[in-house]
Amino acid sequence: MTINTEGPRTFWRPSGVSDTSQLDDDLIERLEDAFHQSTRDVVLHDVAKIASEHSAIDLAVAASRLPPHARVVLYQNLSEISDKSTFMINTDSSTRIAVFREIAYEESKELIEHMPPDEAVEVVEDMSERTYRKVIEMVEVTKAARIREIEKNARNTAGRLMTNEFFSFLMDVTIGEASKIIRNYPGIDLTSRIFVVDQSGHILGYVPSRNMIVNPSDLPLRQVMRPVQQKVSVETSREEVAELVERYKISALPVIDEEERLIGVITYEDVIDALEDILDETIGSLAGTAEKVSEYEPHFRRFLSRAPWLLVTLCAGLINVGVISYFDNYQKSFLTFVLFFVPLVTGMSGNIGIQSSTVLVRSIALGYVTPGKRRDAIFKELLLGFFNACFFGVLCGVLIYLLNFT
């Protein structure tokens, strides 16, 4: 066996290998071409061929940029239930909703049973209430109980970020015995820390996964375990969790209940997802938009996600108009009255511009809008801005008439 003791290398990259953005563009272009074939048989043949050549994760990303019916067809052309499960975990909410509307309860149940509980909780949120009740009753009892255990915790807390499928052992268990148990449960993800607990489930320490390999198999875990310095409760906010993980570079953070018993583990990947959500919400709040829908969703749905924030500006502007017109002695000429609406126009146009630019820049930065699709994305933002202008212009005129400002 050869061990590499050299520093990091820079690997040569063939010119034919594309980055993820180019891969997404190429995959979406192939899928769009496939869905524009003349007959359904040809469409299904081409889509099945594409699905067999790409990973479920790449297909999940591409699906969010296709029409709803095409997303379902793409999902149905995945042959393995494990691939379908990966697809549902990594795609967006709109795609999940479209798929759950088409597939049977039995298939939904199989999907959930192939997911870790924390991922399943996120996925089932996109089921209708009726579908959820039916499916959760069909899911294996232990899996269903673990899903419900996570669901009962408040949103945006450690209890929602954690997974309750993890490995923990008593301190007298040997490395060999622990390794055998781990091998018997390949469906549970192995974190970089194996936790050690007492008979009551109270956390005593952890063993790095590497120590399970380099130490003799007959060595008890208590001889190689390390103390746990950081742990959180289920009520800890996701912001505090992210700060802890970032500061101490923790790969697996234990979650405890009120009695200090270990009930879950938060992995580094969970924290990365939480950080992305925090960033999205922060940027959205600053820009005055809570838009969660994809850039490829219908314009009307995107309009509805932005309209509530613009209504606040509209109301404030109308109050401003009312105050100015009440205290200003003006001749009732149309031109003079129009000037009172200048603050309203500038406020509304500024907010719409900030919303569009923020959403577009964020999408480009995160790779949701690839270089080949930027022109289309800009055109869609212009179209959405025009739609906003027409709607709020008409609404403003109606309100002025009803309130008798003139």
Protein backbone atom coordinates (compact mmCIF):
# COMPACT_ATOMS: atom_id res chain seq x y z
CA MET A 1 0.00 0.00 0.00
CA THR A 2 1.30 3.46 -0.90
CA ILE A 3 0.49 6.47 1.27
CA ASN A 4 0.68 9.88 -0.34
CA THR A 5 2.66 12.23 1.92
CA GLU A 6 2.98 15.04 -0.60
CA GLY A 7 1.10 18.29 -0.45
CA PRO A 8 -2.01 19.07 -2.50
CA ARG A 9 -1.67 18.72 -6.24
CA THR A 10 -3.23 20.61 -9.08
CA PHE A 11 -4.78 18.05 -11.38
CA TRP A 12 -4.95 18.55 -15.13
CA ARG A 13 -8.49 18.99 -16.29
CA PRO A 14 -9.36 17.93 -19.83
CA SER A 15 -10.88 20.66 -21.93
CA GLY A 16 -13.88 18.44 -22.63
CA VAL A 17 -14.92 18.28 -18.95
CA SER A 18 -17.62 20.83 -18.14
CA ASP A 19 -18.26 22.56 -14.85
CA THR A 20 -21.62 22.09 -13.15
CA SER A 21 -23.18 25.15 -14.80
CA GLN A 22 -22.31 23.91 -18.26
CA LEU A 23 -23.46 20.42 -17.30
CA ASP A 24 -26.83 21.82 -16.21
CA ASP A 25 -27.19 23.79 -19.44
CA ASP A 26 -26.35 20.78 -21.60
CA LEU A 27 -28.65 18.47 -19.65
CA ILE A 28 -31.59 20.88 -19.76
CA GLU A 29 -31.08 21.44 -23.48
CA ARG A 30 -31.13 17.68 -24.09
CA LEU A 31 -34.26 17.26 -21.99
CA GLU A 32 -36.05 20.12 -23.74
CA ASP A 33 -35.18 18.61 -27.12
CA ALA A 34 -36.45 15.22 -25.94
CA PHE A 35 -39.79 16.64 -24.80
CA HIS A 36 -40.30 18.33 -28.17
CA GLN A 37 -40.22 15.06 -30.11
CA SER A 38 -43.19 14.23 -32.33
CA THR A 39 -44.60 11.16 -30.55
CA ARG A 40 -44.93 10.11 -26.92
CA ASP A 41 -42.99 6.89 -27.52
CA VAL A 42 -40.00 8.82 -28.85
CA VAL A 43 -40.20 11.25 -25.92
CA LEU A 44 -40.21 8.43 -23.37
CA HIS A 45 -37.36 6.64 -25.14
CA ASP A 46 -35.17 9.76 -25.24
CA VAL A 47 -35.94 10.77 -21.65
CA ALA A 48 -35.22 7.24 -20.40
CA LYS A 49 -31.88 7.29 -22.21
CA ILE A 50 -30.95 10.65 -20.66
CA ALA A 51 -32.03 9.47 -17.19
CA SER A 52 -29.82 6.40 -17.46
CA GLU A 53 -26.77 8.52 -18.34
CA HIS A 54 -26.96 11.04 -15.47
CA SER A 55 -27.04 10.93 -11.70
CA ALA A 56 -30.31 11.43 -9.86
CA ILE A 57 -28.91 14.60 -8.28
CA ASP A 58 -28.18 16.22 -11.66
CA LEU A 59 -31.63 15.23 -12.90
CA ALA A 60 -33.21 16.68 -9.74
CA VAL A 61 -31.56 20.05 -10.36
CA ALA A 62 -32.56 20.03 -14.03
CA ALA A 63 -36.16 19.09 -13.20
CA SER A 64 -36.76 22.41 -11.43
CA ARG A 65 -36.32 24.18 -14.78
CA LEU A 66 -38.82 22.08 -16.70
CA PRO A 67 -42.62 22.36 -16.98
CA PRO A 68 -44.52 20.43 -14.25
CA HIS A 69 -45.63 17.57 -16.54
CA ALA A 70 -42.06 17.10 -17.79
CA ARG A 71 -40.77 16.84 -14.22
CA VAL A 72 -43.10 13.94 -13.51
CA VAL A 73 -42.07 12.13 -16.71
CA LEU A 74 -38.40 12.56 -15.79
CA TYR A 75 -39.01 11.15 -12.31
CA GLN A 76 -40.94 8.17 -13.70
CA ASN A 77 -38.02 7.26 -15.96
CA LEU A 78 -35.73 6.61 -13.00
CA SER A 79 -35.54 2.85 -12.65
CA GLU A 80 -34.43 2.33 -9.04
CA ILE A 81 -36.39 3.43 -5.98
CA SER A 82 -33.12 4.60 -4.41
CA ASP A 83 -32.57 6.94 -7.38
CA LYS A 84 -36.13 8.22 -7.11
CA SER A 85 -35.60 8.86 -3.41
CA THR A 86 -32.39 10.79 -4.11
CA PHE A 87 -34.20 12.74 -6.82
CA MET A 88 -36.98 13.79 -4.43
CA ILE A 89 -34.53 14.82 -1.72
CA ASN A 90 -32.48 17.04 -4.03
CA THR A 91 -35.17 18.64 -6.17
CA ASP A 92 -37.27 21.70 -5.35
CA SER A 93 -40.65 21.93 -3.64
CA SER A 94 -42.62 22.50 -6.85
CA THR A 95 -41.28 19.30 -8.41
CA ARG A 96 -42.13 17.28 -5.32
CA ILE A 97 -45.68 18.62 -5.33
CA ALA A 98 -46.09 17.71 -9.01
CA VAL A 99 -44.74 14.19 -8.45
CA PHE A 100 -46.84 13.47 -5.35
CA ARG A 101 -49.97 14.42 -7.31
CA GLU A 102 -49.26 11.68 -9.85
CA ILE A 103 -47.78 8.72 -7.99
CA ALA A 104 -49.62 6.14 -5.89
CA TYR A 105 -49.60 6.02 -2.09
CA GLU A 106 -47.58 2.81 -2.17
CA GLU A 107 -44.79 4.42 -4.17
CA SER A 108 -44.77 7.45 -1.87
CA LYS A 109 -44.41 5.09 1.07
CA GLU A 110 -41.42 3.36 -0.54
CA LEU A 111 -39.78 6.73 -1.20
CA ILE A 112 -40.11 7.80 2.42
CA GLU A 113 -38.77 4.49 3.73
CA HIS A 114 -35.61 4.94 1.64
CA MET A 115 -34.87 8.39 3.12
CA PRO A 116 -33.18 9.39 6.37
CA PRO A 117 -35.83 10.74 8.79
CA ASP A 118 -34.59 14.34 8.63
CA GLU A 119 -34.75 14.34 4.83
CA ALA A 120 -38.14 12.63 4.89
CA VAL A 121 -39.56 15.38 7.12
CA GLU A 122 -38.62 18.00 4.54
CA VAL A 123 -40.03 15.96 1.66
CA VAL A 124 -43.40 15.11 3.27
CA GLU A 125 -44.06 18.83 3.81
CA ASP A 126 -44.83 18.98 0.09
CA MET A 127 -47.54 16.32 0.34
CA SER A 128 -51.17 17.26 0.65
CA GLU A 129 -52.67 16.67 4.10
CA ARG A 130 -54.68 13.71 2.83
CA THR A 131 -51.68 12.10 1.11
CA TYR A 132 -49.53 12.60 4.19
CA ARG A 133 -52.04 10.90 6.49
CA LYS A 134 -52.40 7.93 4.13
CA VAL A 135 -48.67 7.49 3.51
CA ILE A 136 -47.49 7.90 7.11
CA GLU A 137 -49.91 5.14 8.16
CA MET A 138 -48.35 2.82 5.58
CA VAL A 139 -44.72 3.59 6.45
CA GLU A 140 -42.87 1.08 8.63
CA VAL A 141 -43.68 1.80 12.30
CA THR A 142 -40.16 2.65 13.47
CA LYS A 143 -39.50 4.96 10.52
CA ALA A 144 -42.85 6.71 10.97
CA ALA A 145 -42.14 7.24 14.68
CA ARG A 146 -38.77 8.81 13.90
CA ILE A 147 -40.33 11.14 11.34
CA ARG A 148 -43.00 12.25 13.81
CA GLU A 149 -40.36 12.76 16.50
CA ILE A 150 -38.55 15.29 14.31
CA GLU A 151 -41.78 16.89 13.08
CA LYS A 152 -42.92 17.76 16.60
CA ASN A 153 -39.95 20.11 17.06
CA ALA A 154 -40.24 23.78 16.18
CA ARG A 155 -39.08 24.96 12.77
CA ASN A 156 -35.62 26.49 12.45
CA THR A 157 -34.33 24.71 15.55
CA ALA A 158 -31.77 21.98 16.20
CA GLY A 159 -34.64 19.53 16.60
CA ARG A 160 -35.56 20.01 12.94
CA LEU A 161 -31.99 19.90 11.65
CA MET A 162 -30.98 16.69 13.42
CA THR A 163 -31.29 13.11 12.30
CA ASN A 164 -32.39 10.56 14.87
CA GLU A 165 -30.82 7.64 12.99
CA PHE A 166 -27.24 7.42 14.24
CA PHE A 167 -24.85 5.03 15.98
CA SER A 168 -24.23 5.14 19.74
CA PHE A 169 -22.79 2.45 22.01
CA LEU A 170 -22.13 1.71 25.66
CA MET A 171 -18.58 2.36 26.83
CA ASP A 172 -17.80 -1.33 27.45
CA VAL A 173 -18.58 -2.32 23.86
CA THR A 174 -15.43 -3.19 21.92
CA ILE A 175 -14.41 -1.67 18.62
CA GLY A 176 -14.97 -5.01 16.89
CA GLU A 177 -18.49 -5.37 18.28
CA ALA A 178 -19.39 -1.81 17.31
CA SER A 179 -17.98 -2.29 13.80
CA LYS A 180 -20.06 -5.43 13.31
CA ILE A 181 -23.26 -3.61 14.30
CA ILE A 182 -22.42 -0.73 11.95
CA ARG A 183 -21.91 -3.19 9.07
CA ASN A 184 -25.32 -4.72 9.76
CA TYR A 185 -27.08 -1.37 9.23
CA PRO A 186 -25.84 -0.01 5.89
CA GLY A 187 -28.94 2.18 5.56
CA ILE A 188 -27.85 4.44 8.43
CA ASP A 189 -25.30 7.07 7.44
CA LEU A 190 -22.04 6.79 9.34
CA THR A 191 -20.93 10.14 10.77
CA SER A 192 -17.32 10.97 11.59
CA ARG A 193 -18.12 10.59 15.29
CA ILE A 194 -19.41 7.45 17.03
CA PHE A 195 -21.03 8.50 20.30
CA VAL A 196 -20.68 6.70 23.63
CA VAL A 197 -23.58 6.71 26.12
CA ASP A 198 -24.47 5.17 29.47
CA GLN A 199 -27.37 2.81 30.20
CA SER A 200 -29.81 5.75 30.41
CA GLY A 201 -28.70 7.27 27.11
CA HIS A 202 -26.72 10.16 28.61
CA ILE A 203 -23.82 11.14 26.39
CA LEU A 204 -20.36 10.34 27.78
CA GLY A 205 -18.10 11.02 24.83
CA TYR A 206 -17.36 10.14 21.24
CA VAL A 207 -14.94 8.06 19.21
CA PRO A 208 -13.62 9.43 15.88
CA SER A 209 -14.38 7.06 13.03
CA ARG A 210 -10.68 6.81 12.24
CA ASN A 211 -10.02 5.31 15.68
CA MET A 212 -12.40 2.48 14.78
CA ILE A 213 -9.97 1.50 12.03
CA VAL A 214 -6.50 2.03 13.51
CA ASN A 215 -7.11 0.46 16.95
CA PRO A 216 -7.37 -3.26 17.85
CA SER A 217 -10.85 -4.74 17.56
CA ASP A 218 -10.86 -6.01 21.17
CA LEU A 219 -10.29 -2.54 22.64
CA PRO A 220 -13.29 -1.11 24.59
CA LEU A 221 -14.64 2.21 23.38
CA ARG A 222 -14.04 3.83 26.78
CA GLN A 223 -10.28 3.62 26.18
CA VAL A 224 -10.36 5.60 22.94
CA MET A 225 -13.32 7.93 23.48
CA ARG A 226 -12.92 11.69 23.80
CA PRO A 227 -15.02 14.14 25.83
CA VAL A 228 -17.83 16.04 24.12
CA GLN A 229 -17.19 19.77 24.43
CA GLN A 230 -20.20 21.12 22.53
CA LYS A 231 -23.78 19.89 22.45
CA VAL A 232 -27.14 21.54 21.88
CA SER A 233 -30.75 21.05 22.93
CA VAL A 234 -33.67 20.56 20.54
CA GLU A 235 -34.79 24.17 21.14
CA THR A 236 -31.44 25.69 20.09
CA SER A 237 -31.90 27.97 17.09
CA ARG A 238 -30.36 27.03 13.76
CA GLU A 239 -28.31 30.25 13.88
CA GLU A 240 -26.68 29.15 17.14
CA VAL A 241 -26.07 25.69 15.70
CA ALA A 242 -24.40 27.16 12.61
CA GLU A 243 -22.21 29.42 14.77
CA LEU A 244 -21.07 26.49 16.93
CA VAL A 245 -20.25 24.28 13.95
CA GLU A 246 -18.43 27.09 12.15
CA ARG A 247 -16.38 28.13 15.18
CA TYR A 248 -15.33 24.68 16.38
CA LYS A 249 -15.40 22.89 13.01
CA ILE A 250 -17.66 20.15 14.36
CA SER A 251 -18.52 17.44 11.84
CA ALA A 252 -21.26 15.83 13.98
CA LEU A 253 -22.97 17.87 16.71
CA PRO A 254 -24.94 15.90 19.35
CA VAL A 255 -28.48 16.98 20.28
CA ILE A 256 -29.78 16.26 23.78
CA ASP A 257 -33.19 16.43 25.46
CA GLU A 258 -34.17 17.99 28.80
CA GLU A 259 -32.66 15.05 30.69
CA GLU A 260 -29.31 15.29 28.86
CA ARG A 261 -29.99 12.14 26.83
CA LEU A 262 -28.64 11.86 23.31
CA ILE A 263 -31.57 11.98 20.86
CA GLY A 264 -30.03 13.15 17.59
CA VAL A 265 -27.02 14.28 15.59
CA ILE A 266 -26.58 17.30 13.33
CA THR A 267 -24.11 16.73 10.51
CA TYR A 268 -22.01 19.30 8.71
CA GLU A 269 -24.16 18.86 5.59
CA ASP A 270 -27.28 19.74 7.59
CA VAL A 271 -25.64 22.96 8.73
CA ILE A 272 -24.65 23.90 5.18
CA ASP A 273 -28.30 23.56 4.13
CA ALA A 274 -29.38 25.66 7.13
CA LEU A 275 -26.85 28.37 6.28
CA GLU A 276 -28.19 28.57 2.74
CA ASP A 277 -31.74 28.96 4.07
CA ILE A 278 -30.62 31.66 6.52
CA LEU A 279 -28.83 33.52 3.72
CA ASP A 280 -31.87 33.29 1.44
CA GLU A 281 -34.20 34.65 4.11
CA THR A 282 -31.80 37.44 5.07
CA ILE A 283 -31.36 38.60 1.48
CA GLY A 284 -35.10 38.31 0.87
CA SER A 285 -35.91 40.40 3.94
CA LEU A 286 -33.46 43.11 2.94
CA ALA A 287 -34.87 43.22 -0.59
CA GLY A 288 -38.51 43.02 0.43
CA THR A 289 -39.30 39.64 -1.08
CA ALA A 290 -39.92 36.23 0.42
CA GLU A 291 -39.69 34.54 -2.97
CA LYS A 292 -39.10 30.80 -2.62
CA VAL A 293 -40.33 29.69 -6.02
CA SER A 294 -37.99 28.79 -8.84
CA GLU A 295 -37.05 31.23 -11.57
CA TYR A 296 -38.72 28.78 -13.93
CA GLU A 297 -42.14 28.87 -12.25
CA PRO A 298 -45.13 30.65 -13.90
CA HIS A 299 -45.00 34.44 -13.74
CA PHE A 300 -48.26 34.69 -11.81
CA ARG A 301 -46.96 32.52 -8.97
CA ARG A 302 -43.79 34.60 -8.73
CA PHE A 303 -45.92 37.76 -8.76
CA LEU A 304 -47.97 36.49 -5.81
CA SER A 305 -44.79 35.82 -3.82
CA ARG A 306 -43.68 39.45 -4.19
CA ALA A 307 -46.99 41.33 -4.09
CA PRO A 308 -47.50 41.44 -0.27
CA TRP A 309 -44.29 43.41 0.19
CA LEU A 310 -45.26 45.87 -2.53
CA LEU A 311 -48.69 46.39 -0.98
CA VAL A 312 -46.96 47.86 2.07
CA THR A 313 -45.22 50.42 -0.12
CA LEU A 314 -48.49 51.17 -1.93
CA CYS A 315 -50.37 51.81 1.32
CA ALA A 316 -47.59 54.02 2.66
CA GLY A 317 -47.56 55.97 -0.61
CA LEU A 318 -51.32 56.49 -0.55
CA ILE A 319 -51.14 57.76 3.02
CA ASN A 320 -48.43 60.15 1.90
CA VAL A 321 -50.64 61.39 -0.95
CA GLY A 322 -53.55 61.88 1.44
CA VAL A 323 -51.48 63.87 3.91
CA ILE A 324 -49.95 66.11 1.23
CA SER A 325 -53.29 66.79 -0.47
CA TYR A 326 -54.97 67.57 2.87
CA PHE A 327 -52.45 70.13 4.06
CA ASP A 328 -51.58 71.67 0.71
CA ASN A 329 -53.74 74.42 -0.68
CA TYR A 330 -53.60 73.67 -4.37
CA GLN A 331 -55.70 74.47 -7.37
CA LYS A 332 -57.55 71.32 -8.35
CA SER A 333 -55.77 70.86 -11.61
CA PHE A 334 -54.90 67.38 -12.79
CA LEU A 335 -51.20 68.15 -13.28
CA THR A 336 -50.78 69.51 -9.75
CA PHE A 337 -52.52 66.50 -8.26
CA VAL A 338 -50.33 64.08 -10.23
CA LEU A 339 -47.24 65.57 -8.58
CA PHE A 340 -48.45 64.25 -5.23
CA PHE A 341 -47.86 60.71 -6.52
CA VAL A 342 -44.18 61.19 -7.33
CA PRO A 343 -43.04 59.69 -3.95
CA LEU A 344 -45.36 56.72 -4.50
CA VAL A 345 -44.06 56.09 -8.03
CA THR A 346 -40.41 56.32 -6.99
CA GLY A 347 -41.00 54.09 -3.95
CA MET A 348 -42.83 51.40 -5.90
CA SER A 349 -40.39 51.39 -8.82
CA GLY A 350 -37.44 51.26 -6.44
CA ASN A 351 -38.84 48.30 -4.54
CA ILE A 352 -39.68 46.38 -7.71
CA GLY A 353 -36.18 47.04 -9.03
CA ILE A 354 -34.55 45.89 -5.80
CA GLN A 355 -36.64 42.71 -5.76
CA SER A 356 -35.76 41.83 -9.34
CA SER A 357 -32.05 42.62 -9.05
CA THR A 358 -31.67 40.77 -5.74
CA VAL A 359 -33.41 37.61 -6.95
CA LEU A 360 -31.51 37.64 -10.24
CA VAL A 361 -28.06 38.25 -8.73
CA ARG A 362 -28.65 35.60 -6.07
CA SER A 363 -29.76 33.07 -8.70
CA ILE A 364 -26.70 33.75 -10.83
CA ALA A 365 -24.36 33.53 -7.84
CA LEU A 366 -25.80 30.19 -6.69
CA GLY A 367 -25.82 28.75 -10.20
CA TYR A 368 -29.61 28.56 -10.52
CA VAL A 369 -29.35 30.74 -13.62
CA THR A 370 -26.54 29.45 -15.79
CA PRO A 371 -24.67 31.59 -18.36
CA GLY A 372 -26.71 30.19 -21.21
CA LYS A 373 -29.99 31.15 -19.53
CA ARG A 374 -29.17 34.64 -18.26
CA ARG A 375 -30.80 36.45 -21.15
CA ASP A 376 -34.05 34.53 -20.64
CA ALA A 377 -33.92 35.20 -16.89
CA ILE A 378 -33.45 38.96 -17.41
CA PHE A 379 -36.36 39.02 -19.87
CA LYS A 380 -38.57 37.20 -17.35
CA GLU A 381 -37.69 39.73 -14.65
CA LEU A 382 -38.55 42.60 -17.01
CA LEU A 383 -41.85 40.92 -17.86
CA LEU A 384 -42.61 40.38 -14.18
CA GLY A 385 -41.77 44.03 -13.43
CA PHE A 386 -44.14 45.15 -16.19
CA PHE A 387 -46.88 42.91 -14.78
CA ASN A 388 -46.34 44.39 -11.32
CA ALA A 389 -46.51 47.93 -12.74
CA CYS A 390 -49.79 47.26 -14.55
CA PHE A 391 -51.44 45.57 -11.58
CA PHE A 392 -50.46 48.12 -8.95
CA GLY A 393 -51.13 51.01 -11.32
CA VAL A 394 -54.72 49.85 -11.83
CA LEU A 395 -55.09 49.08 -8.11
CA CYS A 396 -53.80 52.54 -7.20
CA GLY A 397 -56.26 54.19 -9.61
CA VAL A 398 -59.19 52.25 -8.16
CA LEU A 399 -58.22 53.14 -4.60
CA ILE A 400 -57.85 56.83 -5.48
CA TYR A 401 -61.31 56.80 -7.01
CA LEU A 402 -62.87 55.00 -4.04
CA LEU A 403 -61.13 57.20 -1.46
CA ASN A 404 -62.13 60.33 -3.38
CA PHE A 405 -58.64 61.87 -3.25
CA THR A 406 -59.48 63.99 -6.27
